PDB file of N, CA and C in Angstrom:
ATOM      1  N   MET A   1     -12.279   4.927  16.508  1.00  0.00           N
ATOM      2  CA  MET A   1     -12.800   5.937  17.310  1.00  0.00           C
ATOM      3  C   MET A   1     -14.168   6.292  17.017  1.00  0.00           C
ATOM      4  N   GLY A   2     -15.059   6.417  18.006  1.00  0.00           N
ATOM      5  CA  GLY A   2     -16.450   6.763  17.738  1.00  0.00           C
ATOM      6  C   GLY A   2     -17.078   7.381  19.111  1.00  0.00           C
ATOM      7  N   ASN A   3     -18.375   7.118  19.154  1.00  0.00           N
ATOM      8  CA  ASN A   3     -19.210   7.683  20.264  1.00  0.00           C
ATOM      9  C   ASN A   3     -19.155   6.490  21.355  1.00  0.00           C
ATOM     10  N   LEU A   4     -18.948   6.900  22.684  1.00  0.00           N
ATOM     11  CA  LEU A   4     -19.001   6.000  23.687  1.00  0.00           C
ATOM     12  C   LEU A   4     -20.416   5.049  23.776  1.00  0.00           C
ATOM     13  N   ASP A   5     -21.332   5.544  23.303  1.00  0.00           N
ATOM     14  CA  ASP A   5     -22.580   4.820  23.293  1.00  0.00           C
ATOM     15  C   ASP A   5     -22.688   3.960  21.983  1.00  0.00           C
ATOM     16  N   ARG A   6     -21.623   3.797  21.198  1.00  0.00           N
ATOM     17  CA  ARG A   6     -21.639   3.159  20.017  1.00  0.00           C
ATOM     18  C   ARG A   6     -22.469   3.602  18.880  1.00  0.00           C
ATOM     19  N   LYS A   7     -23.063   4.676  18.942  1.00  0.00           N
ATOM     20  CA  LYS A   7     -23.818   5.418  17.903  1.00  0.00           C
ATOM     21  C   LYS A   7     -22.992   5.893  16.813  1.00  0.00           C
ATOM     22  N   PRO A   8     -23.260   5.955  15.563  1.00  0.00           N
ATOM     23  CA  PRO A   8     -22.602   6.465  14.461  1.00  0.00           C
ATOM     24  C   PRO A   8     -22.070   8.052  14.791  1.00  0.00           C
ATOM     25  N   THR A   9     -20.966   8.269  14.305  1.00  0.00           N
ATOM     26  CA  THR A   9     -20.395   9.710  14.483  1.00  0.00           C
ATOM     27  C   THR A   9     -20.982  10.680  13.532  1.00  0.00           C
ATOM     28  N   CYS A  10     -21.883  10.229  12.769  1.00  0.00           N
ATOM     29  CA  CYS A  10     -22.536  11.267  11.816  1.00  0.00           C
ATOM     30  C   CYS A  10     -21.775  12.351  11.091  1.00  0.00           C
ATOM     31  N   GLY A  11     -21.020  11.803  10.218  1.00  0.00           N
ATOM     32  CA  GLY A  11     -20.225  12.682   9.263  1.00  0.00           C
ATOM     33  C   GLY A  11     -18.792  12.899   9.609  1.00  0.00           C
ATOM     34  N   ILE A  12     -18.365  12.324  10.815  1.00  0.00           N
ATOM     35  CA  ILE A  12     -16.955  12.529  11.182  1.00  0.00           C
ATOM     36  C   ILE A  12     -16.166  11.551  10.690  1.00  0.00           C
ATOM     37  N   THR A  13     -15.201  11.810   9.837  1.00  0.00           N
ATOM     38  CA  THR A  13     -14.440  10.931   9.180  1.00  0.00           C
ATOM     39  C   THR A  13     -13.065  10.812   9.951  1.00  0.00           C
ATOM     40  N   GLY A  14     -12.079   9.959   9.532  1.00  0.00           N
ATOM     41  CA  GLY A  14     -10.790   9.662  10.100  1.00  0.00           C
ATOM     42  C   GLY A  14     -10.084  10.985  10.083  1.00  0.00           C
ATOM     43  N   THR A  15     -10.187  11.830   9.159  1.00  0.00           N
ATOM     44  CA  THR A  15      -9.484  13.168   9.039  1.00  0.00           C
ATOM     45  C   THR A  15      -9.930  14.163   9.888  1.00  0.00           C
ATOM     46  N   THR A  16     -11.177  14.060  10.199  1.00  0.00           N
ATOM     47  CA  THR A  16     -11.781  15.172  11.042  1.00  0.00           C
ATOM     48  C   THR A  16     -11.904  14.888  12.350  1.00  0.00           C
ATOM     49  N   GLY A  17     -11.736  13.668  12.735  1.00  0.00           N
ATOM     50  CA  GLY A  17     -11.911  13.097  14.205  1.00  0.00           C
ATOM     51  C   GLY A  17     -10.596  12.569  14.626  1.00  0.00           C
ATOM     52  N   PRO A  18     -10.283  11.342  14.376  1.00  0.00           N
ATOM     53  CA  PRO A  18      -9.187  10.806  14.862  1.00  0.00           C
ATOM     54  C   PRO A  18      -7.751  11.371  14.360  1.00  0.00           C
ATOM     55  N   GLY A  19      -7.874  11.791  13.060  1.00  0.00           N
ATOM     56  CA  GLY A  19      -6.478  12.424  12.538  1.00  0.00           C
ATOM     57  C   GLY A  19      -6.112  13.625  13.241  1.00  0.00           C
ATOM     58  N   LEU A  20      -7.122  14.489  13.636  1.00  0.00           N
ATOM     59  CA  LEU A  20      -6.745  15.769  14.239  1.00  0.00           C
ATOM     60  C   LEU A  20      -6.246  15.378  15.754  1.00  0.00           C
ATOM     61  N   ILE A  21      -6.703  14.289  16.324  1.00  0.00           N
ATOM     62  CA  ILE A  21      -6.367  14.033  17.659  1.00  0.00           C
ATOM     63  C   ILE A  21      -4.871  13.507  17.535  1.00  0.00           C
ATOM     64  N   LEU A  22      -4.602  12.673  16.681  1.00  0.00           N
ATOM     65  CA  LEU A  22      -3.212  11.967  16.357  1.00  0.00           C
ATOM     66  C   LEU A  22      -2.350  13.084  16.091  1.00  0.00           C
ATOM     67  N   ARG A  23      -2.774  14.048  15.264  1.00  0.00           N
ATOM     68  CA  ARG A  23      -1.890  15.232  14.932  1.00  0.00           C
ATOM     69  C   ARG A  23      -1.376  15.985  16.314  1.00  0.00           C
ATOM     70  N   ALA A  24      -2.377  16.255  16.936  1.00  0.00           N
ATOM     71  CA  ALA A  24      -2.114  16.902  18.266  1.00  0.00           C
ATOM     72  C   ALA A  24      -1.299  16.103  19.155  1.00  0.00           C
ATOM     73  N   VAL A  25      -1.343  14.845  19.301  1.00  0.00           N
ATOM     74  CA  VAL A  25      -0.585  14.041  20.150  1.00  0.00           C
ATOM     75  C   VAL A  25       0.797  14.015  19.629  1.00  0.00           C
ATOM     76  N   PHE A  26       1.054  13.853  18.343  1.00  0.00           N
ATOM     77  CA  PHE A  26       2.451  13.751  17.802  1.00  0.00           C
ATOM     78  C   PHE A  26       3.110  15.066  17.957  1.00  0.00           C
ATOM     79  N   SER A  27       2.259  16.226  17.870  1.00  0.00           N
ATOM     80  CA  SER A  27       2.775  17.534  18.075  1.00  0.00           C
ATOM     81  C   SER A  27       3.415  17.744  19.494  1.00  0.00           C
ATOM     82  N   GLU A  28       2.579  17.223  20.311  1.00  0.00           N
ATOM     83  CA  GLU A  28       3.043  17.391  21.767  1.00  0.00           C
ATOM     84  C   GLU A  28       4.106  16.589  22.120  1.00  0.00           C
ATOM     85  N   LEU A  29       4.319  15.381  21.512  1.00  0.00           N
ATOM     86  CA  LEU A  29       5.523  14.427  21.828  1.00  0.00           C
ATOM     87  C   LEU A  29       6.608  15.167  21.146  1.00  0.00           C
ATOM     88  N   ASN A  30       6.569  16.009  20.124  1.00  0.00           N
ATOM     89  CA  ASN A  30       7.841  16.608  19.597  1.00  0.00           C
ATOM     90  C   ASN A  30       7.882  18.071  19.927  1.00  0.00           C
ATOM     91  N   ARG A  31       7.249  18.418  20.939  1.00  0.00           N
ATOM     92  CA  ARG A  31       7.258  19.935  21.250  1.00  0.00           C
ATOM     93  C   ARG A  31       8.669  20.182  21.792  1.00  0.00           C
ATOM     94  N   PHE A  32       9.546  19.402  22.319  1.00  0.00           N
ATOM     95  CA  PHE A  32      10.873  19.958  22.831  1.00  0.00           C
ATOM     96  C   PHE A  32      12.046  19.421  21.966  1.00  0.00           C
ATOM     97  N   GLN A  33      11.672  18.748  20.892  1.00  0.00           N
ATOM     98  CA  GLN A  33      12.740  18.327  19.994  1.00  0.00           C
ATOM     99  C   GLN A  33      12.327  18.416  18.548  1.00  0.00           C
ATOM    100  N   GLU A  34      13.184  18.422  17.657  1.00  0.00           N
ATOM    101  CA  GLU A  34      13.095  18.509  16.239  1.00  0.00           C
ATOM    102  C   GLU A  34      12.673  17.221  15.789  1.00  0.00           C
ATOM    103  N   ALA A  35      11.663  17.176  14.946  1.00  0.00           N
ATOM    104  CA  ALA A  35      11.335  15.845  14.420  1.00  0.00           C
ATOM    105  C   ALA A  35      12.303  15.311  13.348  1.00  0.00           C
ATOM    106  N   CYS A  36      12.428  14.129  13.145  1.00  0.00           N
ATOM    107  CA  CYS A  36      13.296  13.499  12.050  1.00  0.00           C
ATOM    108  C   CYS A  36      12.492  12.904  10.910  1.00  0.00           C
ATOM    109  N   PRO A  37      13.034  12.985   9.779  1.00  0.00           N
ATOM    110  CA  PRO A  37      12.257  12.428   8.673  1.00  0.00           C
ATOM    111  C   PRO A  37      12.288  10.873   8.874  1.00  0.00           C
ATOM    112  N   LEU A  38      11.241  10.257   8.401  1.00  0.00           N
ATOM    113  CA  LEU A  38      10.959   8.828   8.413  1.00  0.00           C
ATOM    114  C   LEU A  38      12.000   8.123   7.630  1.00  0.00           C
ATOM    115  N   TYR A  39      12.700   7.131   8.128  1.00  0.00           N
ATOM    116  CA  TYR A  39      13.515   6.323   7.526  1.00  0.00           C
ATOM    117  C   TYR A  39      12.884   5.345   6.607  1.00  0.00           C
ATOM    118  N   LEU A  40      13.204   5.286   5.452  1.00  0.00           N
ATOM    119  CA  LEU A  40      12.672   4.393   4.341  1.00  0.00           C
ATOM    120  C   LEU A  40      13.950   3.455   4.068  1.00  0.00           C
ATOM    121  N   SER A  41      13.782   2.092   4.346  1.00  0.00           N
ATOM    122  CA  SER A  41      14.810   1.195   3.956  1.00  0.00           C
ATOM    123  C   SER A  41      14.933   1.141   2.390  1.00  0.00           C
ATOM    124  N   PRO A  42      16.228   1.059   2.002  1.00  0.00           N
ATOM    125  CA  PRO A  42      16.488   0.982   0.608  1.00  0.00           C
ATOM    126  C   PRO A  42      16.018  -0.547   0.195  1.00  0.00           C
ATOM    127  N   ARG A  43      15.807  -1.413   1.010  1.00  0.00           N
ATOM    128  CA  ARG A  43      15.372  -2.811   0.660  1.00  0.00           C
ATOM    129  C   ARG A  43      13.933  -2.797   0.223  1.00  0.00           C
ATOM    130  N   LEU A  44      13.130  -1.784   0.536  1.00  0.00           N
ATOM    131  CA  LEU A  44      11.688  -1.713   0.149  1.00  0.00           C
ATOM    132  C   LEU A  44      11.444  -1.724  -1.337  1.00  0.00           C
ATOM    133  N   ALA A  45      10.544  -2.497  -1.761  1.00  0.00           N
ATOM    134  CA  ALA A  45      10.313  -2.714  -3.217  1.00  0.00           C
ATOM    135  C   ALA A  45       9.253  -1.698  -3.507  1.00  0.00           C
ATOM    136  N   VAL A  46       9.289  -0.714  -4.612  1.00  0.00           N
ATOM    137  CA  VAL A  46       8.264   0.087  -4.996  1.00  0.00           C
ATOM    138  C   VAL A  46       7.533  -0.363  -6.120  1.00  0.00           C
ATOM    139  N   VAL A  47       6.249  -0.720  -5.946  1.00  0.00           N
ATOM    140  CA  VAL A  47       5.363  -1.517  -6.879  1.00  0.00           C
ATOM    141  C   VAL A  47       4.115  -0.696  -7.199  1.00  0.00           C
ATOM    142  N   LYS A  48       3.808  -0.692  -8.532  1.00  0.00           N
ATOM    143  CA  LYS A  48       2.583   0.056  -8.931  1.00  0.00           C
ATOM    144  C   LYS A  48       1.303  -0.818  -8.664  1.00  0.00           C
ATOM    145  N   ILE A  49       0.364  -0.216  -7.839  1.00  0.00           N
ATOM    146  CA  ILE A  49      -0.816  -0.740  -7.302  1.00  0.00           C
ATOM    147  C   ILE A  49      -2.013  -0.187  -8.029  1.00  0.00           C
ATOM    148  N   CYS A  50      -3.062  -1.030  -8.367  1.00  0.00           N
ATOM    149  CA  CYS A  50      -4.302  -0.360  -9.098  1.00  0.00           C
ATOM    150  C   CYS A  50      -5.034   0.439  -7.877  1.00  0.00           C
ATOM    151  N   ARG A  51      -5.406   1.556  -8.250  1.00  0.00           N
ATOM    152  CA  ARG A  51      -6.068   2.491  -7.113  1.00  0.00           C
ATOM    153  C   ARG A  51      -7.344   1.793  -6.752  1.00  0.00           C
ATOM    154  N   GLU A  52      -8.033   1.234  -7.712  1.00  0.00           N
ATOM    155  CA  GLU A  52      -9.546   0.648  -7.428  1.00  0.00           C
ATOM    156  C   GLU A  52      -9.496  -0.650  -6.880  1.00  0.00           C
ATOM    157  N   THR A  53      -8.602  -1.584  -7.185  1.00  0.00           N
ATOM    158  CA  THR A  53      -8.708  -2.949  -6.596  1.00  0.00           C
ATOM    159  C   THR A  53      -7.645  -3.168  -5.434  1.00  0.00           C
ATOM    160  N   GLY A  54      -6.598  -2.408  -5.502  1.00  0.00           N
ATOM    161  CA  GLY A  54      -5.583  -2.676  -4.517  1.00  0.00           C
ATOM    162  C   GLY A  54      -4.568  -3.899  -4.897  1.00  0.00           C
ATOM    163  N   LEU A  55      -4.922  -4.457  -6.150  1.00  0.00           N
ATOM    164  CA  LEU A  55      -3.871  -5.447  -6.505  1.00  0.00           C
ATOM    165  C   LEU A  55      -2.922  -4.850  -7.414  1.00  0.00           C
ATOM    166  N   ARG A  56      -1.940  -5.624  -7.973  1.00  0.00           N
ATOM    167  CA  ARG A  56      -0.909  -5.070  -8.776  1.00  0.00           C
ATOM    168  C   ARG A  56      -1.394  -4.543 -10.019  1.00  0.00           C
ATOM    169  N   ALA A  57      -0.829  -3.335 -10.417  1.00  0.00           N
ATOM    170  CA  ALA A  57      -1.521  -2.812 -11.584  1.00  0.00           C
ATOM    171  C   ALA A  57      -0.898  -3.342 -13.008  1.00  0.00           C
ATOM    172  N   THR A  58      -1.742  -3.316 -13.935  1.00  0.00           N
ATOM    173  CA  THR A  58      -1.519  -3.545 -15.349  1.00  0.00           C
ATOM    174  C   THR A  58      -1.336  -2.171 -15.937  1.00  0.00           C
ATOM    175  N   GLU A  59      -0.969  -2.205 -17.347  1.00  0.00           N
ATOM    176  CA  GLU A  59      -0.951  -0.900 -18.042  1.00  0.00           C
ATOM    177  C   GLU A  59      -2.069  -0.173 -18.179  1.00  0.00           C
ATOM    178  N   HIS A  60      -3.217  -0.626 -18.030  1.00  0.00           N
ATOM    179  CA  HIS A  60      -4.575  -0.057 -18.090  1.00  0.00           C
ATOM    180  C   HIS A  60      -5.008   0.458 -16.741  1.00  0.00           C
ATOM    181  N   CYS A  61      -4.546   0.126 -15.677  1.00  0.00           N
ATOM    182  CA  CYS A  61      -4.988   0.559 -14.368  1.00  0.00           C
ATOM    183  C   CYS A  61      -4.777   2.041 -14.026  1.00  0.00           C
ATOM    184  N   PRO A  62      -5.640   2.624 -13.200  1.00  0.00           N
ATOM    185  CA  PRO A  62      -5.205   3.902 -12.621  1.00  0.00           C
ATOM    186  C   PRO A  62      -4.137   3.517 -11.499  1.00  0.00           C
ATOM    187  N   THR A  63      -3.080   4.134 -11.269  1.00  0.00           N
ATOM    188  CA  THR A  63      -2.051   3.514 -10.487  1.00  0.00           C
ATOM    189  C   THR A  63      -1.577   4.530  -9.450  1.00  0.00           C
ATOM    190  N   MET A  64      -1.071   3.922  -8.319  1.00  0.00           N
ATOM    191  CA  MET A  64      -0.270   4.665  -7.261  1.00  0.00           C
ATOM    192  C   MET A  64       0.943   3.786  -6.996  1.00  0.00           C
ATOM    193  N   GLU A  65       1.974   4.423  -6.435  1.00  0.00           N
ATOM    194  CA  GLU A  65       2.897   3.515  -6.068  1.00  0.00           C
ATOM    195  C   GLU A  65       3.017   3.180  -4.479  1.00  0.00           C
ATOM    196  N   GLU A  66       3.280   1.892  -4.099  1.00  0.00           N
ATOM    197  CA  GLU A  66       3.361   1.596  -2.727  1.00  0.00           C
ATOM    198  C   GLU A  66       4.639   0.884  -2.479  1.00  0.00           C
ATOM    199  N   LYS A  67       5.111   0.905  -1.219  1.00  0.00           N
ATOM    200  CA  LYS A  67       6.395   0.369  -0.902  1.00  0.00           C
ATOM    201  C   LYS A  67       6.064  -0.981  -0.087  1.00  0.00           C
ATOM    202  N   PHE A  68       6.775  -1.997  -0.343  1.00  0.00           N
ATOM    203  CA  PHE A  68       6.599  -3.315   0.175  1.00  0.00           C
ATOM    204  C   PHE A  68       7.805  -3.831   0.822  1.00  0.00           C
ATOM    205  N   ALA A  69       7.863  -4.494   1.938  1.00  0.00           N
ATOM    206  CA  ALA A  69       8.939  -5.330   2.517  1.00  0.00           C
ATOM    207  C   ALA A  69       9.293  -6.447   1.730  1.00  0.00           C
ATOM    208  N   PRO A  70      10.476  -6.838   1.557  1.00  0.00           N
ATOM    209  CA  PRO A  70      10.877  -7.829   0.686  1.00  0.00           C
ATOM    210  C   PRO A  70      10.084  -9.157   1.006  1.00  0.00           C
ATOM    211  N   GLY A  71       9.580  -9.802   0.086  1.00  0.00           N
ATOM    212  CA  GLY A  71       8.578 -10.958   0.354  1.00  0.00           C
ATOM    213  C   GLY A  71       7.295 -10.761   0.577  1.00  0.00           C
ATOM    214  N   SER A  72       6.928  -9.427   0.588  1.00  0.00           N
ATOM    215  CA  SER A  72       5.387  -9.193   0.876  1.00  0.00           C
ATOM    216  C   SER A  72       4.722  -8.462  -0.372  1.00  0.00           C
ATOM    217  N   ILE A  73       5.344  -8.492  -1.453  1.00  0.00           N
ATOM    218  CA  ILE A  73       4.683  -7.823  -2.634  1.00  0.00           C
ATOM    219  C   ILE A  73       3.542  -8.701  -3.173  1.00  0.00           C
ATOM    220  N   PRO A  74       2.360  -8.008  -3.308  1.00  0.00           N
ATOM    221  CA  PRO A  74       1.188  -8.827  -3.648  1.00  0.00           C
ATOM    222  C   PRO A  74       1.429  -9.542  -5.026  1.00  0.00           C
ATOM    223  N   GLY A  75       0.810 -10.763  -5.117  1.00  0.00           N
ATOM    224  CA  GLY A  75       1.097 -11.512  -6.280  1.00  0.00           C
ATOM    225  C   GLY A  75       0.020 -11.281  -7.498  1.00  0.00           C
ATOM    226  N   PRO A  76      -1.336 -11.348  -7.027  1.00  0.00           N
ATOM    227  CA  PRO A  76      -2.112 -11.277  -8.171  1.00  0.00           C
ATOM    228  C   PRO A  76      -2.274  -9.814  -8.972  1.00  0.00           C
ATOM    229  N   PHE A  77      -2.399  -9.846 -10.063  1.00  0.00           N
ATOM    230  CA  PHE A  77      -2.529  -8.684 -11.010  1.00  0.00           C
ATOM    231  C   PHE A  77      -4.033  -8.270 -11.000  1.00  0.00           C
ATOM    232  N   CYS A  78      -4.412  -7.067 -11.132  1.00  0.00           N
ATOM    233  CA  CYS A  78      -5.827  -6.667 -11.416  1.00  0.00           C
ATOM    234  C   CYS A  78      -6.421  -7.261 -12.770  1.00  0.00           C
ATOM    235  N   THR A  79      -7.615  -7.704 -12.683  1.00  0.00           N
ATOM    236  CA  THR A  79      -8.257  -8.313 -13.831  1.00  0.00           C
ATOM    237  C   THR A  79      -9.278  -7.381 -14.254  1.00  0.00           C
ATOM    238  N   VAL A  80      -9.749  -6.324 -13.539  1.00  0.00           N
ATOM    239  CA  VAL A  80     -10.751  -5.389 -13.663  1.00  0.00           C
ATOM    240  C   VAL A  80     -10.409  -4.491 -15.032  1.00  0.00           C
ATOM    241  N   HIS A  81      -9.249  -4.062 -15.207  1.00  0.00           N
ATOM    242  CA  HIS A  81      -8.727  -3.215 -16.173  1.00  0.00           C
ATOM    243  C   HIS A  81      -7.916  -3.760 -17.300  1.00  0.00           C
ATOM    244  N   GLY A  82      -8.003  -5.063 -17.430  1.00  0.00           N
ATOM    245  CA  GLY A  82      -7.180  -5.842 -18.485  1.00  0.00           C
ATOM    246  C   GLY A  82      -6.414  -6.898 -17.829  1.00  0.00           C
ATOM    247  N   SER A  83      -6.151  -7.876 -18.709  1.00  0.00           N
ATOM    248  CA  SER A  83      -5.457  -9.065 -18.165  1.00  0.00           C
ATOM    249  C   SER A  83      -4.077  -8.905 -18.370  1.00  0.00           C
ATOM    250  N   HIS A  84      -3.338  -9.228 -17.263  1.00  0.00           N
ATOM    251  CA  HIS A  84      -1.930  -9.394 -17.099  1.00  0.00           C
ATOM    252  C   HIS A  84      -1.354 -10.509 -18.041  1.00  0.00           C
ATOM    253  N   GLU A  85      -1.990 -11.818 -17.881  1.00  0.00           N
ATOM    254  CA  GLU A  85      -1.511 -12.947 -18.500  1.00  0.00           C
ATOM    255  C   GLU A  85      -1.583 -12.879 -20.055  1.00  0.00           C
ATOM    256  N   GLY A  86      -0.442 -13.069 -20.594  1.00  0.00           N
ATOM    257  CA  GLY A  86      -0.166 -13.160 -22.080  1.00  0.00           C
ATOM    258  C   GLY A  86      -0.215 -11.790 -22.771  1.00  0.00           C
ATOM    259  N   THR A  87      -0.194 -10.648 -21.988  1.00  0.00           N
ATOM    260  CA  THR A  87      -0.185  -9.419 -22.707  1.00  0.00           C
ATOM    261  C   THR A  87       1.211  -8.863 -22.567  1.00  0.00           C
ATOM    262  N   ALA A  88       1.869  -8.721 -23.681  1.00  0.00           N
ATOM    263  CA  ALA A  88       3.224  -8.178 -23.580  1.00  0.00           C
ATOM    264  C   ALA A  88       3.226  -6.762 -22.989  1.00  0.00           C
ATOM    265  N   GLY A  89       4.149  -6.376 -22.199  1.00  0.00           N
ATOM    266  CA  GLY A  89       4.374  -5.070 -21.726  1.00  0.00           C
ATOM    267  C   GLY A  89       3.223  -4.711 -20.892  1.00  0.00           C
ATOM    268  N   SER A  90       2.600  -5.613 -20.152  1.00  0.00           N
ATOM    269  CA  SER A  90       1.367  -5.302 -19.374  1.00  0.00           C
ATOM    270  C   SER A  90       1.638  -4.847 -18.004  1.00  0.00           C
ATOM    271  N   THR A  91       2.877  -4.853 -17.605  1.00  0.00           N
ATOM    272  CA  THR A  91       3.304  -4.560 -16.109  1.00  0.00           C
ATOM    273  C   THR A  91       4.220  -3.492 -16.174  1.00  0.00           C
ATOM    274  N   ALA A  92       4.173  -2.691 -15.172  1.00  0.00           N
ATOM    275  CA  ALA A  92       5.278  -1.599 -14.941  1.00  0.00           C
ATOM    276  C   ALA A  92       6.461  -2.252 -14.786  1.00  0.00           C
ATOM    277  N   PRO A  93       7.446  -1.559 -15.365  1.00  0.00           N
ATOM    278  CA  PRO A  93       8.921  -1.949 -15.307  1.00  0.00           C
ATOM    279  C   PRO A  93       9.259  -2.229 -13.674  1.00  0.00           C
ATOM    280  N   GLY A  94       9.887  -3.306 -13.496  1.00  0.00           N
ATOM    281  CA  GLY A  94      10.368  -3.738 -12.195  1.00  0.00           C
ATOM    282  C   GLY A  94       9.434  -4.335 -11.185  1.00  0.00           C
ATOM    283  N   THR A  95       8.213  -4.580 -11.733  1.00  0.00           N
ATOM    284  CA  THR A  95       7.252  -5.151 -10.923  1.00  0.00           C
ATOM    285  C   THR A  95       6.841  -6.602 -11.111  1.00  0.00           C
ATOM    286  N   CYS A  96       7.442  -7.326 -12.062  1.00  0.00           N
ATOM    287  CA  CYS A  96       7.245  -8.669 -12.362  1.00  0.00           C
ATOM    288  C   CYS A  96       8.037  -9.416 -11.310  1.00  0.00           C
ATOM    289  N   LEU A  97       7.487 -10.638 -10.864  1.00  0.00           N
ATOM    290  CA  LEU A  97       8.333 -11.612 -10.228  1.00  0.00           C
ATOM    291  C   LEU A  97       8.908 -12.517 -11.154  1.00  0.00           C
ATOM    292  N   ARG A  98      10.123 -13.054 -10.907  1.00  0.00           N
ATOM    293  CA  ARG A  98      10.655 -14.114 -11.788  1.00  0.00           C
ATOM    294  C   ARG A  98       9.735 -15.212 -11.457  1.00  0.00           C
ATOM    295  N   GLN A  99       9.736 -16.158 -12.533  1.00  0.00           N
ATOM    296  CA  GLN A  99       8.928 -17.412 -12.579  1.00  0.00           C
ATOM    297  C   GLN A  99       9.138 -18.159 -11.254  1.00  0.00           C
ATOM    298  N   GLU A 100      10.447 -18.451 -10.871  1.00  0.00           N
ATOM    299  CA  GLU A 100      10.900 -19.209  -9.669  1.00  0.00           C
ATOM    300  C   GLU A 100      10.304 -18.418  -8.481  1.00  0.00           C
ATOM    301  N   ASP A 101      10.423 -17.114  -8.427  1.00  0.00           N
ATOM    302  CA  ASP A 101      10.030 -16.378  -7.231  1.00  0.00           C
ATOM    303  C   ASP A 101       8.500 -16.402  -7.227  1.00  0.00           C
ATOM    304  N   LYS A 102       7.820 -16.399  -8.285  1.00  0.00           N
ATOM    305  CA  LYS A 102       6.388 -16.529  -8.282  1.00  0.00           C
ATOM    306  C   LYS A 102       5.929 -17.842  -7.686  1.00  0.00           C
ATOM    307  N   ARG A 103       6.695 -19.027  -8.137  1.00  0.00           N
ATOM    308  CA  ARG A 103       6.233 -20.216  -7.545  1.00  0.00           C
ATOM    309  C   ARG A 103       6.432 -20.272  -6.037  1.00  0.00           C
ATOM    310  N   GLN A 104       7.534 -19.781  -5.609  1.00  0.00           N
ATOM    311  CA  GLN A 104       7.833 -19.640  -4.111  1.00  0.00           C
ATOM    312  C   GLN A 104       6.697 -18.908  -3.368  1.00  0.00           C
ATOM    313  N   PHE A 105       6.420 -17.826  -4.160  1.00  0.00           N
ATOM    314  CA  PHE A 105       5.324 -16.944  -3.533  1.00  0.00           C
ATOM    315  C   PHE A 105       4.064 -17.641  -3.382  1.00  0.00           C
ATOM    316  N   ASP A 106       3.680 -18.344  -4.543  1.00  0.00           N
ATOM    317  CA  ASP A 106       2.538 -19.071  -4.509  1.00  0.00           C
ATOM    318  C   ASP A 106       2.485 -20.005  -3.491  1.00  0.00           C
ATOM    319  N   ARG A 107       3.605 -20.658  -3.100  1.00  0.00           N
ATOM    320  CA  ARG A 107       3.620 -21.700  -2.219  1.00  0.00           C
ATOM    321  C   ARG A 107       3.681 -21.093  -0.722  1.00  0.00           C
ATOM    322  N   GLY A 108       3.622 -19.702  -0.581  1.00  0.00           N
ATOM    323  CA  GLY A 108       3.660 -19.239   0.656  1.00  0.00           C
ATOM    324  C   GLY A 108       5.100 -18.928   1.250  1.00  0.00           C
ATOM    325  N   LYS A 109       6.086 -19.114   0.460  1.00  0.00           N
ATOM    326  CA  LYS A 109       7.528 -19.067   0.997  1.00  0.00           C
ATOM    327  C   LYS A 109       7.965 -17.589   0.828  1.00  0.00           C
ATOM    328  N   ARG A 110       8.756 -17.066   1.716  1.00  0.00           N
ATOM    329  CA  ARG A 110       9.356 -15.701   1.650  1.00  0.00           C
ATOM    330  C   ARG A 110      10.336 -15.674   0.637  1.00  0.00           C
ATOM    331  N   LEU A 111      10.421 -14.518  -0.119  1.00  0.00           N
ATOM    332  CA  LEU A 111      11.533 -14.448  -1.145  1.00  0.00           C
ATOM    333  C   LEU A 111      12.681 -13.938  -0.572  1.00  0.00           C
TER     334      LEU A 111
END
């Protein structure tokens, strides 16, 4: 979203421009019916991600949790906040790939 003459929007961000428009559109679409909660598949994997790099988090990273479809979990760990390799306990519980899965992931195969 931007100006039709392709000039910068000068201080208008996604939350003050397009975000408000989308909120109005979705509000209008749901005007005559009750909105339903978003369905989240139980197959989604919850993984801790480094807030600064977007890579998988180590124990030293500022983190947030993201949900991923099976086979789409990012492989590389953040190297900015500490090394993952050879550091015992450096990953969040449940975020490690088994070695065989890691090899398949590295070869581009779906898990």
